[in-house]
Amino acid sequence: MQLPMIGTWKVTVNGARPFTIHGDQYFEVHMTHVEDRSDHLVRVPVHAVKSPLEPGKLATVTFLMGQVTEVIAG
């Protein structure tokens, strides 16, 4: 399944790794879509992560124009 242009997904967080691009901070998030069990890797700006990303936790991921705009774990 491709990432949506607009909408939200329920996912299971498999892991998250911090990194920087030109001084901007991001998380590389490995996740599994709850409905179809497809695995995905997304890059999320630190400011869009509203709660800690712990492996095995459920999260809601919000997309706008194919980009992650918010991740709320729990």
N, C-alpha and C. Protein backbone atom coordinates (compact mmCIF):
# COMPACT_ATOMS: atom_id res chain seq x y z
N MET A 1 0.85 -1.18 0.00
CA MET A 1 0.00 0.00 0.00
C MET A 1 0.90 1.25 0.00
N GLN A 2 0.54 2.22 -0.81
CA GLN A 2 1.28 3.47 -0.86
C GLN A 2 0.84 4.40 0.27
N LEU A 3 1.71 5.33 0.62
CA LEU A 3 1.33 6.34 1.61
C LEU A 3 0.23 7.22 1.03
N PRO A 4 -0.74 7.62 1.86
CA PRO A 4 -1.85 8.43 1.35
C PRO A 4 -1.45 9.89 1.13
N MET A 5 -2.14 10.56 0.22
CA MET A 5 -1.92 12.00 0.04
C MET A 5 -2.50 12.77 1.22
N ILE A 6 -3.68 12.35 1.67
CA ILE A 6 -4.36 13.01 2.79
C ILE A 6 -5.03 11.93 3.63
N GLY A 7 -4.97 12.07 4.94
CA GLY A 7 -5.68 11.13 5.80
C GLY A 7 -4.87 10.70 7.00
N THR A 8 -5.37 9.68 7.70
CA THR A 8 -4.69 9.14 8.86
C THR A 8 -4.60 7.63 8.77
N TRP A 9 -3.58 7.09 9.38
CA TRP A 9 -3.38 5.65 9.49
C TRP A 9 -3.20 5.29 10.95
N LYS A 10 -3.68 4.12 11.33
CA LYS A 10 -3.32 3.49 12.59
C LYS A 10 -2.17 2.56 12.28
N VAL A 11 -1.09 2.68 13.05
CA VAL A 11 0.11 1.88 12.79
C VAL A 11 0.67 1.33 14.09
N THR A 12 1.51 0.33 13.95
CA THR A 12 2.33 -0.15 15.05
C THR A 12 3.74 0.35 14.79
N VAL A 13 4.34 1.00 15.76
CA VAL A 13 5.71 1.50 15.63
C VAL A 13 6.66 0.33 15.84
N ASN A 14 7.53 0.08 14.87
CA ASN A 14 8.52 -0.99 14.97
C ASN A 14 9.86 -0.45 15.45
N GLY A 15 10.09 0.83 15.24
CA GLY A 15 11.33 1.45 15.67
C GLY A 15 11.40 2.88 15.18
N ALA A 16 12.21 3.69 15.85
CA ALA A 16 12.40 5.08 15.44
C ALA A 16 13.85 5.46 15.70
N ARG A 17 14.46 6.12 14.73
CA ARG A 17 15.86 6.50 14.83
C ARG A 17 15.99 7.98 14.52
N PRO A 18 16.57 8.77 15.44
CA PRO A 18 16.76 10.19 15.15
C PRO A 18 17.91 10.40 14.15
N PHE A 19 17.78 11.44 13.33
CA PHE A 19 18.86 11.83 12.43
C PHE A 19 18.66 13.28 12.02
N THR A 20 19.66 13.87 11.38
CA THR A 20 19.55 15.26 10.94
C THR A 20 19.83 15.35 9.44
N ILE A 21 19.16 16.30 8.81
CA ILE A 21 19.43 16.67 7.42
C ILE A 21 19.67 18.16 7.41
N HIS A 22 20.87 18.57 7.09
CA HIS A 22 21.24 19.98 7.04
C HIS A 22 20.87 20.72 8.33
N GLY A 23 21.06 20.04 9.46
CA GLY A 23 20.80 20.66 10.76
C GLY A 23 19.37 20.53 11.26
N ASP A 24 18.44 20.07 10.41
CA ASP A 24 17.05 19.87 10.85
C ASP A 24 16.92 18.45 11.42
N GLN A 25 16.20 18.33 12.53
CA GLN A 25 16.06 17.04 13.20
C GLN A 25 14.81 16.29 12.75
N TYR A 26 14.99 14.99 12.52
CA TYR A 26 13.92 14.11 12.07
C TYR A 26 13.99 12.79 12.82
N PHE A 27 12.92 12.01 12.70
CA PHE A 27 12.92 10.60 13.08
C PHE A 27 12.67 9.79 11.83
N GLU A 28 13.42 8.72 11.68
CA GLU A 28 13.14 7.72 10.66
C GLU A 28 12.31 6.66 11.37
N VAL A 29 11.05 6.53 11.00
CA VAL A 29 10.12 5.65 11.72
C VAL A 29 9.78 4.44 10.86
N HIS A 30 10.05 3.26 11.42
CA HIS A 30 9.65 2.00 10.80
C HIS A 30 8.31 1.63 11.41
N MET A 31 7.31 1.40 10.56
CA MET A 31 5.96 1.16 11.07
C MET A 31 5.24 0.12 10.22
N THR A 32 4.21 -0.48 10.83
CA THR A 32 3.36 -1.44 10.13
C THR A 32 1.92 -0.94 10.18
N HIS A 33 1.31 -0.81 9.02
CA HIS A 33 -0.09 -0.38 8.92
C HIS A 33 -0.96 -1.45 9.56
N VAL A 34 -1.83 -1.06 10.48
CA VAL A 34 -2.63 -2.02 11.25
C VAL A 34 -3.58 -2.82 10.37
N GLU A 35 -4.22 -2.18 9.41
CA GLU A 35 -5.25 -2.86 8.61
C GLU A 35 -4.70 -3.88 7.63
N ASP A 36 -3.68 -3.51 6.86
CA ASP A 36 -3.21 -4.45 5.82
C ASP A 36 -1.84 -5.06 6.12
N ARG A 37 -1.28 -4.74 7.28
CA ARG A 37 0.00 -5.30 7.74
C ARG A 37 1.18 -4.97 6.83
N SER A 38 1.08 -3.91 6.03
CA SER A 38 2.19 -3.51 5.16
C SER A 38 3.20 -2.70 5.98
N ASP A 39 4.49 -2.92 5.70
CA ASP A 39 5.56 -2.21 6.40
C ASP A 39 5.96 -0.96 5.63
N HIS A 40 6.28 0.10 6.37
CA HIS A 40 6.65 1.37 5.76
C HIS A 40 7.76 2.04 6.55
N LEU A 41 8.52 2.87 5.88
CA LEU A 41 9.54 3.70 6.49
C LEU A 41 9.21 5.14 6.12
N VAL A 42 9.04 5.99 7.13
CA VAL A 42 8.74 7.40 6.88
C VAL A 42 9.72 8.27 7.65
N ARG A 43 9.97 9.45 7.14
CA ARG A 43 10.79 10.44 7.83
C ARG A 43 9.85 11.51 8.36
N VAL A 44 9.98 11.77 9.65
CA VAL A 44 9.05 12.65 10.35
C VAL A 44 9.83 13.76 11.04
N PRO A 45 9.48 15.03 10.81
CA PRO A 45 10.14 16.11 11.54
C PRO A 45 9.88 15.96 13.04
N VAL A 46 10.87 16.26 13.85
CA VAL A 46 10.76 16.10 15.29
C VAL A 46 9.54 16.84 15.84
N HIS A 47 9.24 18.03 15.31
CA HIS A 47 8.11 18.82 15.84
C HIS A 47 6.75 18.15 15.59
N ALA A 48 6.70 17.18 14.68
CA ALA A 48 5.43 16.50 14.36
C ALA A 48 5.16 15.31 15.29
N VAL A 49 6.15 14.93 16.09
CA VAL A 49 6.00 13.79 17.00
C VAL A 49 5.49 14.31 18.33
N LYS A 50 4.27 13.90 18.69
CA LYS A 50 3.60 14.44 19.88
C LYS A 50 3.78 13.60 21.13
N SER A 51 4.33 12.38 21.01
CA SER A 51 4.57 11.52 22.16
C SER A 51 5.70 10.55 21.80
N PRO A 52 6.34 9.95 22.80
CA PRO A 52 7.48 9.06 22.52
C PRO A 52 7.12 7.92 21.58
N LEU A 53 8.03 7.62 20.67
CA LEU A 53 7.83 6.54 19.70
C LEU A 53 8.56 5.29 20.19
N GLU A 54 7.83 4.43 20.87
CA GLU A 54 8.41 3.22 21.43
C GLU A 54 7.99 2.01 20.60
N PRO A 55 8.93 1.09 20.33
CA PRO A 55 8.59 -0.11 19.55
C PRO A 55 7.43 -0.87 20.19
N GLY A 56 6.51 -1.32 19.34
CA GLY A 56 5.35 -2.08 19.79
C GLY A 56 4.13 -1.23 20.13
N LYS A 57 4.31 0.09 20.22
CA LYS A 57 3.18 0.97 20.54
C LYS A 57 2.35 1.25 19.31
N LEU A 58 1.04 1.41 19.52
CA LEU A 58 0.15 1.85 18.45
C LEU A 58 0.26 3.36 18.32
N ALA A 59 0.09 3.86 17.11
CA ALA A 59 0.17 5.30 16.87
C ALA A 59 -0.78 5.68 15.75
N THR A 60 -1.17 6.94 15.74
CA THR A 60 -1.94 7.52 14.65
C THR A 60 -1.02 8.45 13.88
N VAL A 61 -0.93 8.23 12.59
CA VAL A 61 -0.07 9.04 11.72
C VAL A 61 -0.97 9.83 10.78
N THR A 62 -0.77 11.15 10.73
CA THR A 62 -1.56 12.03 9.87
C THR A 62 -0.71 12.47 8.68
N PHE A 63 -1.31 12.39 7.50
CA PHE A 63 -0.62 12.76 6.26
C PHE A 63 -1.30 13.95 5.60
N LEU A 64 -0.49 14.79 4.97
CA LEU A 64 -0.98 15.89 4.13
C LEU A 64 -0.03 16.00 2.95
N MET A 65 -0.56 15.87 1.76
CA MET A 65 0.22 15.90 0.53
C MET A 65 1.35 14.87 0.55
N GLY A 66 1.04 13.69 1.12
CA GLY A 66 1.99 12.60 1.15
C GLY A 66 3.08 12.71 2.20
N GLN A 67 3.05 13.76 3.00
CA GLN A 67 4.03 13.97 4.06
C GLN A 67 3.41 13.77 5.42
N VAL A 68 4.17 13.25 6.35
CA VAL A 68 3.67 13.07 7.72
C VAL A 68 3.66 14.43 8.41
N THR A 69 2.49 14.80 8.95
CA THR A 69 2.37 16.08 9.65
C THR A 69 2.19 15.91 11.15
N GLU A 70 1.85 14.68 11.59
CA GLU A 70 1.68 14.45 13.02
C GLU A 70 1.72 12.96 13.32
N VAL A 71 2.37 12.62 14.44
CA VAL A 71 2.38 11.24 14.93
C VAL A 71 2.04 11.30 16.42
N ILE A 72 0.98 10.59 16.80
CA ILE A 72 0.58 10.51 18.20
C ILE A 72 0.57 9.05 18.60
N ALA A 73 1.50 8.67 19.49
CA ALA A 73 1.57 7.30 19.97
C ALA A 73 0.66 7.13 21.18
N GLY A 74 0.15 5.91 21.31
CA GLY A 74 -0.66 5.61 22.48
C GLY A 74 -2.11 5.44 22.19
